[in-house]
Amino acid sequence: MGSKPDKYGQKFWLAVDKESKYTVNGFPYLGKDDQRPTNQRLGDHVVMKLMQPYLNKGRNVTCDNFFTSLALAEPPEKKRTSIVGIVNRARKEIPTKIKTARDELYSTTILKKGNTSLMVYQGKPTKNVILMSTMNPVVQIGTDTKTKPDTIKVYNDSKYGVPRCIDQMCRK
């Protein structure tokens, strides 16, 4: 990718432990995977494959917008694993009104399905962020000075694993 510091190389799908900052699971991207079901998105397949050894252990998974979808939230929830992540606004489960809204929106739940909730958070005047969480099914605003929802705090505390830790170490 031309915008990245390392423009050439191999692509790996990685799962990183937040506390130790070590890679706990990973595999190389080798193109089309014949084992992936035809009705499953690539991002969902990758996350489920990376999480396989950690299901039923009460873990939380934080994903970026390529991986996060409502379809991904259902299987891990049944296996005692929670998911938190930013959702791409192009996903089909996002209501059209939210996709096109650029005016002032307040932190609110826009979709609730079981323990999974989609919420909108407006951190900047013209930018809305959509988050999905099975960990925080209700939007609760914190009591600190920034008044961020709990879901944003959980996401911000645990999102840095792969980009900050692994990419920096590989470059060095």
Protein backbone atom coordinates (compact mmCIF):
# COMPACT_ATOMS: atom_id res chain seq x y z
CA MET A 1 0.00 0.00 0.00
CA GLY A 2 1.43 3.33 -1.08
CA SER A 3 0.32 5.22 2.03
CA LYS A 4 2.00 2.83 4.47
CA PRO A 5 5.60 3.25 5.69
CA ASP A 6 6.43 -0.27 4.47
CA LYS A 7 4.94 -0.37 0.98
CA TYR A 8 5.78 -3.98 0.12
CA GLY A 9 5.62 -7.19 2.08
CA GLN A 10 3.41 -10.02 3.19
CA LYS A 11 0.02 -9.69 4.83
CA PHE A 12 -0.72 -11.48 8.08
CA TRP A 13 -3.92 -11.66 10.11
CA LEU A 14 -2.89 -11.27 13.77
CA ALA A 15 -4.45 -11.45 17.22
CA VAL A 16 -2.49 -9.56 19.89
CA ASP A 17 -2.83 -9.74 23.67
CA LYS A 18 -3.49 -6.29 25.11
CA GLU A 19 -1.54 -6.80 28.34
CA SER A 20 1.63 -8.53 27.11
CA LYS A 21 1.60 -6.96 23.60
CA TYR A 22 2.60 -10.32 22.12
CA THR A 23 1.02 -12.01 19.12
CA VAL A 24 -1.17 -14.84 20.41
CA ASN A 25 -2.47 -16.14 17.08
CA GLY A 26 -1.98 -15.40 13.42
CA PHE A 27 -1.84 -16.72 9.90
CA PRO A 28 -0.74 -15.35 6.51
CA TYR A 29 -3.19 -14.01 3.96
CA LEU A 30 -2.86 -16.35 0.97
CA GLY A 31 -5.72 -15.08 -1.18
CA LYS A 32 -9.02 -16.88 -1.59
CA ASP A 33 -9.66 -19.42 1.18
CA ASP A 34 -11.60 -22.51 0.10
CA GLN A 35 -12.55 -23.27 3.73
CA ARG A 36 -14.50 -20.02 4.11
CA PRO A 37 -18.26 -20.49 3.61
CA THR A 38 -19.58 -18.54 0.62
CA ASN A 39 -22.12 -16.63 2.75
CA GLN A 40 -19.52 -15.45 5.30
CA ARG A 41 -17.61 -12.17 4.97
CA LEU A 42 -13.81 -12.35 4.92
CA GLY A 43 -13.54 -10.24 8.09
CA ASP A 44 -15.93 -12.50 10.00
CA HIS A 45 -14.04 -15.62 8.89
CA VAL A 46 -10.67 -14.18 9.91
CA VAL A 47 -11.86 -13.13 13.38
CA MET A 48 -13.53 -16.49 14.06
CA LYS A 49 -10.38 -18.34 12.96
CA LEU A 50 -8.13 -16.15 15.15
CA MET A 51 -10.46 -16.49 18.16
CA GLN A 52 -10.86 -20.27 17.93
CA PRO A 53 -8.36 -21.15 20.73
CA TYR A 54 -9.81 -18.45 23.02
CA LEU A 55 -13.54 -19.15 22.81
CA ASN A 56 -15.32 -20.17 26.06
CA LYS A 57 -12.65 -18.40 28.15
CA GLY A 58 -14.46 -15.10 28.87
CA ARG A 59 -12.25 -12.93 26.62
CA ASN A 60 -13.03 -9.65 24.90
CA VAL A 61 -12.10 -9.03 21.25
CA THR A 62 -11.58 -5.51 19.88
CA CYS A 63 -11.82 -5.11 16.09
CA ASP A 64 -11.48 -2.26 13.64
CA ASN A 65 -14.09 -1.39 11.01
CA PHE A 66 -12.95 -4.00 8.45
CA PHE A 67 -13.80 -6.85 10.84
CA THR A 68 -16.74 -5.58 12.91
CA SER A 69 -20.25 -6.55 11.80
CA LEU A 70 -23.51 -7.57 13.43
CA ALA A 71 -23.17 -11.09 11.98
CA LEU A 72 -19.82 -11.49 13.76
CA ALA A 73 -21.33 -10.68 17.17
CA GLU A 74 -23.73 -13.62 17.33
CA PRO A 75 -21.46 -16.73 17.35
CA PRO A 76 -18.86 -15.48 19.90
CA GLU A 77 -21.59 -14.26 22.24
CA LYS A 78 -22.80 -17.85 22.54
CA LYS A 79 -19.23 -18.90 23.40
CA ARG A 80 -18.63 -16.48 26.33
CA THR A 81 -16.64 -14.02 24.24
CA SER A 82 -17.51 -10.34 23.88
CA ILE A 83 -16.76 -8.09 20.92
CA VAL A 84 -16.27 -4.32 20.76
CA GLY A 85 -15.46 -2.45 17.57
CA ILE A 86 -15.97 0.47 15.23
CA VAL A 87 -18.49 -0.35 12.49
CA ASN A 88 -18.06 0.80 8.90
CA ARG A 89 -21.00 3.04 8.03
CA ALA A 90 -21.40 1.20 4.69
CA ARG A 91 -22.60 -1.99 6.44
CA LYS A 92 -26.15 -3.05 5.61
CA GLU A 93 -27.22 -3.20 9.27
CA ILE A 94 -26.66 0.55 9.70
CA PRO A 95 -29.89 2.56 9.19
CA THR A 96 -29.80 4.93 6.20
CA LYS A 97 -30.55 7.93 8.38
CA ILE A 98 -27.36 7.33 10.39
CA LYS A 99 -25.25 6.68 7.26
CA THR A 100 -26.11 10.06 5.80
CA ALA A 101 -26.33 12.14 9.01
CA ARG A 102 -23.64 14.77 9.40
CA ASP A 103 -25.50 17.06 11.78
CA GLU A 104 -25.46 16.87 15.54
CA LEU A 105 -26.23 13.41 16.91
CA TYR A 106 -25.95 12.54 20.54
CA SER A 107 -24.63 9.28 21.97
CA THR A 108 -27.48 6.88 21.58
CA THR A 109 -28.30 3.26 20.84
CA ILE A 110 -29.51 2.87 17.25
CA LEU A 111 -30.00 -0.89 17.10
CA LYS A 112 -30.29 -3.55 19.77
CA LYS A 113 -30.34 -7.28 19.09
CA GLY A 114 -30.02 -9.55 22.12
CA ASN A 115 -26.89 -8.49 24.03
CA THR A 116 -25.51 -6.69 20.98
CA SER A 117 -25.95 -2.96 20.59
CA LEU A 118 -24.99 -0.52 17.86
CA MET A 119 -24.44 3.02 19.05
CA VAL A 120 -23.53 6.39 17.59
CA TYR A 121 -21.01 8.68 19.27
CA GLN A 122 -20.23 12.18 18.07
CA GLY A 123 -16.69 13.08 19.09
CA LYS A 124 -16.32 15.97 16.62
CA PRO A 125 -19.00 18.34 15.29
CA THR A 126 -19.15 16.78 11.81
CA LYS A 127 -18.05 13.22 12.50
CA ASN A 128 -20.15 10.41 13.94
CA VAL A 129 -18.58 7.12 15.02
CA ILE A 130 -20.65 3.93 15.03
CA LEU A 131 -19.67 1.26 17.54
CA MET A 132 -20.86 -2.28 18.17
CA SER A 133 -20.59 -3.94 21.55
CA THR A 134 -21.68 -7.17 23.16
CA MET A 135 -19.82 -6.14 26.31
CA ASN A 136 -21.82 -2.94 27.00
CA PRO A 137 -25.37 -3.58 25.76
CA VAL A 138 -26.57 -0.22 27.16
CA VAL A 139 -25.04 3.19 26.34
CA GLN A 140 -23.77 4.65 29.61
CA ILE A 141 -22.05 8.02 29.71
CA GLY A 142 -19.06 8.29 32.02
CA THR A 143 -18.84 10.80 34.85
CA ASP A 144 -15.47 12.27 33.88
CA THR A 145 -15.02 15.64 32.17
CA LYS A 146 -15.11 14.27 28.60
CA THR A 147 -18.42 12.41 29.09
CA LYS A 148 -17.53 9.57 26.72
CA PRO A 149 -19.68 6.44 26.61
CA ASP A 150 -18.24 3.32 28.28
CA THR A 151 -18.01 1.56 24.91
CA ILE A 152 -15.64 4.26 23.58
CA LYS A 153 -13.45 3.90 26.67
CA VAL A 154 -13.24 0.11 26.31
CA TYR A 155 -12.44 0.42 22.59
CA ASN A 156 -9.77 3.11 23.12
CA ASP A 157 -8.11 1.16 25.95
CA SER A 158 -7.73 -2.03 23.91
CA LYS A 159 -7.47 -1.07 20.22
CA TYR A 160 -3.76 -0.39 19.90
CA GLY A 161 -2.42 -3.98 19.86
CA VAL A 162 -1.57 -4.76 16.25
CA PRO A 163 -0.81 -1.32 14.78
CA ARG A 164 1.25 0.09 17.60
CA CYS A 165 3.02 -2.98 18.94
CA ILE A 166 3.50 -5.44 16.13
CA ASP A 167 3.94 -3.07 13.18
CA GLN A 168 6.53 -1.01 15.09
CA MET A 169 8.47 -4.13 16.13
CA CYS A 170 8.47 -5.48 12.56
CA ARG A 171 9.81 -2.19 11.21
CA LYS A 172 12.68 -2.15 13.74
